[in-house]
């Protein structure tokens, strides 16, 4: 495997490793840090990215369309797959979180930068922002509905601050508004803190992860996330007319391992958090190989 492809992935492991070893040596409160990510850093990053994006509107439209359709398509197909396997409803619903969503922010953005440069990262930001919106809506609904009625789950969606951060960011971008420095600077600082803190939290969450139900369930979800899902989204991107660098970034972002927010949501709504954490661990480790393979393939196309 070429070192160049591996070098695009390996650096992000180092920050997560810092979080893992810090958590194994110090009594850090992972739950509190996870809520800081969910309720403070993610909304700030979402707003800042949307309000300051330099990507042209046509690309934003295509990326947005692909990002909105992909999780719905994946949710339908993967739900059918998990039901065919024989997983019960609660397990199937909770395992959709690490299966249909990918770590497009703290993990995906630096890899897009290392693999395809600044232009690649800017496109990656668009995908990341759209998925942040979807995780704050569809993701919260899936997590909450695994243990509550749809009406209650929708109520949880409306309480998530990332939803309003995304809407405000879109409004600022469309109307070309100038955010006062008094607000813009602290929001920018919080957004800059988000990526490294997310990676540290990822490492912290992996401390003490144990196979409470074996590795069969996380193994199936990991294969789905790292291999099946990006292949489906690659076809979807072509069908929508994406090509060149935008299509490559779409596929690469779709090939990322499960996001930290999947584990955070699973913890928040008690949706099999141990199994979701195991899948995040296995997917993150396996992605060192699979992402290098995807990057190698995309570079040759």
Protein backbone atom coordinates (compact mmCIF):
# COMPACT_ATOMS: atom_id res chain seq x y z
CA UNK A 1 0.00 0.00 0.00
CA UNK A 2 1.62 3.30 -1.09
CA UNK A 3 2.89 5.39 1.76
CA UNK A 4 1.28 8.51 0.29
CA UNK A 5 -2.21 7.07 0.72
CA UNK A 6 -1.40 5.79 4.21
CA UNK A 7 0.09 9.17 5.11
CA UNK A 8 -3.25 10.84 4.44
CA UNK A 9 -4.92 8.70 7.11
CA UNK A 10 -2.34 7.98 9.79
CA UNK A 11 -1.97 11.53 11.23
CA UNK A 12 -5.54 11.62 12.51
CA UNK A 13 -4.88 8.44 14.47
CA UNK A 14 -2.18 10.23 16.45
CA UNK A 15 -4.60 12.76 17.97
CA UNK A 16 -7.15 10.07 18.79
CA UNK A 17 -4.32 8.06 20.36
CA UNK A 18 -3.50 11.02 22.61
CA UNK A 19 -7.11 11.00 23.83
CA UNK A 20 -7.03 7.24 24.34
CA UNK A 21 -3.84 7.24 26.40
CA UNK A 22 -4.93 10.32 28.37
CA UNK A 23 -8.18 8.58 29.22
CA UNK A 24 -6.39 5.43 30.27
CA UNK A 25 -4.14 7.39 32.67
CA UNK A 26 -6.47 10.10 34.03
CA UNK A 27 -10.06 9.98 35.37
CA UNK A 28 -11.60 12.17 32.66
CA UNK A 29 -15.39 12.64 32.42
CA UNK A 30 -16.19 11.42 28.89
CA UNK A 31 -19.93 12.06 29.24
CA UNK A 32 -19.42 15.76 29.99
CA UNK A 33 -16.95 16.19 27.12
CA UNK A 34 -19.36 14.41 24.79
CA UNK A 35 -22.14 16.84 25.70
CA UNK A 36 -19.79 19.78 25.16
CA UNK A 37 -19.20 18.43 21.65
CA UNK A 38 -22.88 17.81 20.98
CA UNK A 39 -24.37 21.01 22.36
CA UNK A 40 -21.58 23.60 21.94
CA UNK A 41 -18.77 22.69 19.53
CA UNK A 42 -20.85 21.01 16.81
CA UNK A 43 -23.35 23.91 16.49
CA UNK A 44 -20.47 26.41 16.37
CA UNK A 45 -18.61 24.42 13.71
CA UNK A 46 -21.79 23.96 11.67
CA UNK A 47 -22.69 27.65 11.73
CA UNK A 48 -19.15 28.85 11.03
CA UNK A 49 -18.65 26.44 8.12
CA UNK A 50 -21.95 27.29 6.45
CA UNK A 51 -21.67 31.03 6.94
CA UNK A 52 -18.09 31.21 5.56
CA UNK A 53 -18.08 28.53 2.85
CA UNK A 54 -16.34 29.59 -0.38
CA UNK A 55 -17.63 26.69 -2.49
CA UNK A 56 -19.80 27.67 -5.49
CA UNK A 57 -23.55 27.27 -5.16
CA UNK A 58 -23.86 24.63 -7.91
CA UNK A 59 -21.44 22.32 -6.10
CA UNK A 60 -23.14 23.06 -2.79
CA UNK A 61 -26.48 22.12 -4.36
CA UNK A 62 -25.21 18.82 -5.75
CA UNK A 63 -23.40 17.96 -2.53
CA UNK A 64 -26.43 18.92 -0.49
CA UNK A 65 -28.72 16.83 -2.65
CA UNK A 66 -26.40 13.82 -2.44
CA UNK A 67 -25.92 14.25 1.31
CA UNK A 68 -29.67 14.48 1.91
CA UNK A 69 -30.59 11.51 -0.26
CA UNK A 70 -27.72 9.18 0.71
CA UNK A 71 -28.62 8.58 4.39
CA UNK A 72 -32.26 7.96 3.48
CA UNK A 73 -31.27 5.43 0.81
CA UNK A 74 -28.76 3.82 3.15
CA UNK A 75 -31.25 3.74 6.02
CA UNK A 76 -33.80 1.88 3.87
CA UNK A 77 -31.32 -0.59 2.40
CA UNK A 78 -29.41 -1.23 5.62
CA UNK A 79 -32.59 -1.56 7.68
CA UNK A 80 -33.75 -4.21 5.22
CA UNK A 81 -30.35 -5.93 5.47
CA UNK A 82 -30.33 -5.95 9.28
CA UNK A 83 -33.91 -7.21 9.39
CA UNK A 84 -32.98 -10.01 7.00
CA UNK A 85 -30.12 -10.92 9.29
CA UNK A 86 -32.64 -11.23 12.09
CA UNK A 87 -31.69 -8.36 14.39
CA UNK A 88 -34.49 -7.18 16.66
CA UNK A 89 -35.93 -3.67 16.24
CA UNK A 90 -33.99 -1.87 19.00
CA UNK A 91 -30.66 -3.33 17.89
CA UNK A 92 -31.36 -2.65 14.21
CA UNK A 93 -32.35 0.98 14.88
CA UNK A 94 -29.36 1.74 17.08
CA UNK A 95 -26.87 0.14 14.67
CA UNK A 96 -28.11 2.38 11.88
CA UNK A 97 -26.27 5.25 13.60
CA UNK A 98 -22.73 3.96 12.91
CA UNK A 99 -23.81 2.37 9.60
CA UNK A 100 -25.39 5.22 7.63
CA UNK A 101 -23.42 8.18 9.01
CA UNK A 102 -19.68 8.73 8.53
CA UNK A 103 -17.09 10.74 10.42
CA UNK A 104 -16.88 13.55 7.87
CA UNK A 105 -15.72 16.26 10.28
CA UNK A 106 -12.96 15.59 12.77
CA UNK A 107 -11.80 12.54 10.82
CA UNK A 108 -12.83 13.31 7.25
CA UNK A 109 -11.70 16.93 6.86
CA UNK A 110 -8.01 16.40 7.64
CA UNK A 111 -7.94 13.30 5.40
CA UNK A 112 -9.57 15.26 2.55
CA UNK A 113 -6.91 17.93 3.05
CA UNK A 114 -3.99 15.50 3.12
CA UNK A 115 -5.30 13.47 0.16
CA UNK A 116 -6.64 16.19 -2.17
CA UNK A 117 -5.39 19.53 -0.84
CA UNK A 118 -7.26 22.68 0.15
CA UNK A 119 -9.87 22.31 -2.61
CA UNK A 120 -10.64 18.82 -1.35
CA UNK A 121 -11.07 20.03 2.21
CA UNK A 122 -13.40 22.86 1.14
CA UNK A 123 -15.63 20.36 -0.63
CA UNK A 124 -15.38 18.10 2.40
CA UNK A 125 -16.67 20.94 4.58
CA UNK A 126 -19.85 21.15 2.48
CA UNK A 127 -20.52 17.44 2.93
CA UNK A 128 -19.65 17.64 6.61
CA UNK A 129 -22.06 20.51 7.19
CA UNK A 130 -24.92 18.74 5.43
CA UNK A 131 -24.31 15.57 7.42
CA UNK A 132 -24.07 17.56 10.65
CA UNK A 133 -27.56 18.80 9.88
CA UNK A 134 -28.75 15.26 9.15
CA UNK A 135 -27.19 13.84 12.31
CA UNK A 136 -28.92 16.57 14.30
CA UNK A 137 -32.26 15.59 12.74
CA UNK A 138 -32.40 12.10 11.24
CA UNK A 139 -29.64 10.86 13.57
CA UNK A 140 -31.37 12.13 16.69
CA UNK A 141 -34.67 10.67 15.45
CA UNK A 142 -33.08 7.22 14.91
CA UNK A 143 -31.33 7.29 18.29
CA UNK A 144 -34.38 8.50 20.17
CA UNK A 145 -36.91 6.32 18.34
CA UNK A 146 -35.04 3.18 19.35
CA UNK A 147 -36.50 3.67 22.82
CA UNK A 148 -39.45 6.08 22.37
CA UNK A 149 -42.38 6.91 20.12
CA UNK A 150 -41.87 8.94 16.89
CA UNK A 151 -43.58 12.03 18.33
CA UNK A 152 -41.25 12.09 21.30
CA UNK A 153 -38.26 11.57 19.01
CA UNK A 154 -39.27 14.51 16.80
CA UNK A 155 -39.53 16.65 19.92
CA UNK A 156 -35.92 15.74 20.73
CA UNK A 157 -34.91 16.80 17.20
CA UNK A 158 -36.38 20.26 17.69
CA UNK A 159 -34.32 20.71 20.86
CA UNK A 160 -30.93 20.09 19.21
CA UNK A 161 -28.93 23.34 18.83
CA UNK A 162 -27.05 22.14 15.72
CA UNK A 163 -30.30 22.38 13.75
CA UNK A 164 -30.59 26.08 14.52
CA UNK A 165 -26.86 26.64 13.96
CA UNK A 166 -27.25 25.21 10.46
CA UNK A 167 -30.33 27.28 9.67
CA UNK A 168 -28.66 30.48 10.87
CA UNK A 169 -25.50 29.69 8.92
CA UNK A 170 -27.50 29.15 5.72
CA UNK A 171 -29.37 32.41 6.30
CA UNK A 172 -26.14 34.36 6.79
CA UNK A 173 -24.67 32.85 3.61
CA UNK A 174 -27.71 33.40 1.41
CA UNK A 175 -28.29 36.98 2.56
CA UNK A 176 -24.55 37.79 2.60
CA UNK A 177 -24.83 39.15 6.13
CA UNK A 178 -21.88 40.32 8.19
CA UNK A 179 -21.77 38.70 11.60
CA UNK A 180 -20.57 41.20 14.26
CA UNK A 181 -17.00 40.51 15.39
CA UNK A 182 -18.24 40.28 18.97
CA UNK A 183 -20.08 37.08 17.94
CA UNK A 184 -17.99 35.93 14.98
CA UNK A 185 -14.73 35.64 16.89
CA UNK A 186 -15.91 33.40 19.76
CA UNK A 187 -17.87 31.24 17.29
CA UNK A 188 -14.77 30.90 15.12
CA UNK A 189 -12.64 29.97 18.12
CA UNK A 190 -15.14 27.32 19.19
CA UNK A 191 -15.26 25.91 15.66
CA UNK A 192 -11.46 25.74 15.56
CA UNK A 193 -11.49 23.80 18.81
CA UNK A 194 -14.09 21.33 17.55
CA UNK A 195 -11.97 19.07 15.32
CA UNK A 196 -9.13 18.30 17.76
CA UNK A 197 -11.57 17.97 20.69
CA UNK A 198 -13.72 15.57 18.67
CA UNK A 199 -10.69 13.41 17.96
CA UNK A 200 -9.64 13.49 21.61
CA UNK A 201 -13.18 12.49 22.63
CA UNK A 202 -13.07 9.67 20.10
CA UNK A 203 -9.92 8.36 21.78
CA UNK A 204 -11.45 8.79 25.23
CA UNK A 205 -14.60 6.92 24.23
CA UNK A 206 -12.57 3.97 23.03
CA UNK A 207 -10.97 3.49 26.45
CA UNK A 208 -12.35 0.37 28.09
CA UNK A 209 -14.42 -0.64 25.08
CA UNK A 210 -15.17 -4.34 25.45
CA UNK A 211 -17.10 -6.85 23.30
CA UNK A 212 -20.24 -7.15 25.43
CA UNK A 213 -22.01 -9.08 22.67
CA UNK A 214 -19.01 -10.34 20.72
CA UNK A 215 -17.74 -8.76 17.51
CA UNK A 216 -20.28 -10.15 15.04
CA UNK A 217 -22.66 -7.19 15.19
CA UNK A 218 -19.91 -4.51 15.08
CA UNK A 219 -18.19 -6.49 12.31
CA UNK A 220 -21.28 -6.45 10.09
CA UNK A 221 -21.88 -2.75 10.76
CA UNK A 222 -18.22 -1.93 10.09
CA UNK A 223 -18.24 -3.71 6.72
CA UNK A 224 -21.45 -1.90 5.86
CA UNK A 225 -20.00 1.48 6.81
CA UNK A 226 -16.55 1.17 5.23
CA UNK A 227 -17.28 -0.85 2.08
CA UNK A 228 -20.96 -1.11 1.19
CA UNK A 229 -22.08 2.46 2.01
CA UNK A 230 -19.38 4.29 -0.02
CA UNK A 231 -19.98 1.97 -2.99
CA UNK A 232 -23.69 2.85 -2.94
CA UNK A 233 -22.97 6.57 -2.59
CA UNK A 234 -20.42 6.41 -5.44
CA UNK A 235 -23.23 5.20 -7.72
CA UNK A 236 -25.57 7.84 -6.32
CA UNK A 237 -23.03 10.59 -6.99
CA UNK A 238 -22.64 9.51 -10.61
CA UNK A 239 -26.41 9.39 -11.02
CA UNK A 240 -26.61 12.99 -9.77
CA UNK A 241 -23.97 14.14 -12.26
CA UNK A 242 -21.00 14.61 -9.93
CA UNK A 243 -17.58 14.00 -11.46
CA UNK A 244 -13.92 14.81 -10.93
CA UNK A 245 -12.85 16.10 -7.53
CA UNK A 246 -16.41 16.65 -6.18
CA UNK A 247 -17.30 13.00 -6.87
CA UNK A 248 -14.05 11.80 -5.31
CA UNK A 249 -14.64 13.82 -2.14
CA UNK A 250 -18.23 12.56 -1.97
CA UNK A 251 -17.00 8.96 -2.08
CA UNK A 252 -14.12 9.61 0.31
CA UNK A 253 -16.33 11.28 2.90
CA UNK A 254 -18.82 8.42 2.57
CA UNK A 255 -15.99 5.94 3.26
CA UNK A 256 -15.12 7.39 6.67
CA UNK A 257 -15.65 5.29 9.82
CA UNK A 258 -18.60 5.89 12.18
CA UNK A 259 -18.71 9.43 13.57
CA UNK A 260 -18.09 10.39 17.18
CA UNK A 261 -21.60 11.82 17.22
CA UNK A 262 -23.02 8.34 16.66
CA UNK A 263 -21.58 7.26 19.99
CA UNK A 264 -22.57 10.55 21.62
CA UNK A 265 -26.17 10.14 20.47
CA UNK A 266 -26.22 6.50 21.52
CA UNK A 267 -25.08 7.53 25.00
CA UNK A 268 -27.53 10.42 25.17
CA UNK A 269 -30.57 8.30 24.25
CA UNK A 270 -29.40 4.91 25.61
CA UNK A 271 -29.42 3.30 22.15
CA UNK A 272 -27.03 0.37 22.70
CA UNK A 273 -24.06 2.68 23.40
CA UNK A 274 -21.66 -0.23 24.07
CA UNK A 275 -22.27 -1.79 20.67
CA UNK A 276 -22.10 1.57 18.90
CA UNK A 277 -18.79 2.28 20.69
CA UNK A 278 -17.45 -1.12 19.63
CA UNK A 279 -18.40 -0.39 16.03
CA UNK A 280 -16.70 3.01 16.24
CA UNK A 281 -13.56 1.35 17.58
CA UNK A 282 -13.50 -1.41 14.98
CA UNK A 283 -14.43 0.92 12.14
CA UNK A 284 -11.81 3.49 13.10
CA UNK A 285 -9.05 0.89 13.26
CA UNK A 286 -10.13 -0.85 10.04
CA UNK A 287 -10.39 2.47 8.21
CA UNK A 288 -6.62 2.81 8.30
CA UNK A 289 -6.60 0.09 5.63
CA UNK A 290 -9.89 0.72 3.84
CA UNK A 291 -9.47 4.49 3.51
CA UNK A 292 -5.96 4.07 2.16
CA UNK A 293 -7.44 1.68 -0.40
CA UNK A 294 -10.20 4.13 -1.35
CA UNK A 295 -7.70 6.99 -1.69
CA UNK A 296 -5.44 4.85 -3.87
CA UNK A 297 -8.40 3.90 -6.09
CA UNK A 298 -9.74 7.46 -6.33
CA UNK A 299 -6.30 8.80 -7.27
CA UNK A 300 -6.13 6.35 -10.15
CA UNK A 301 -9.57 7.22 -11.56
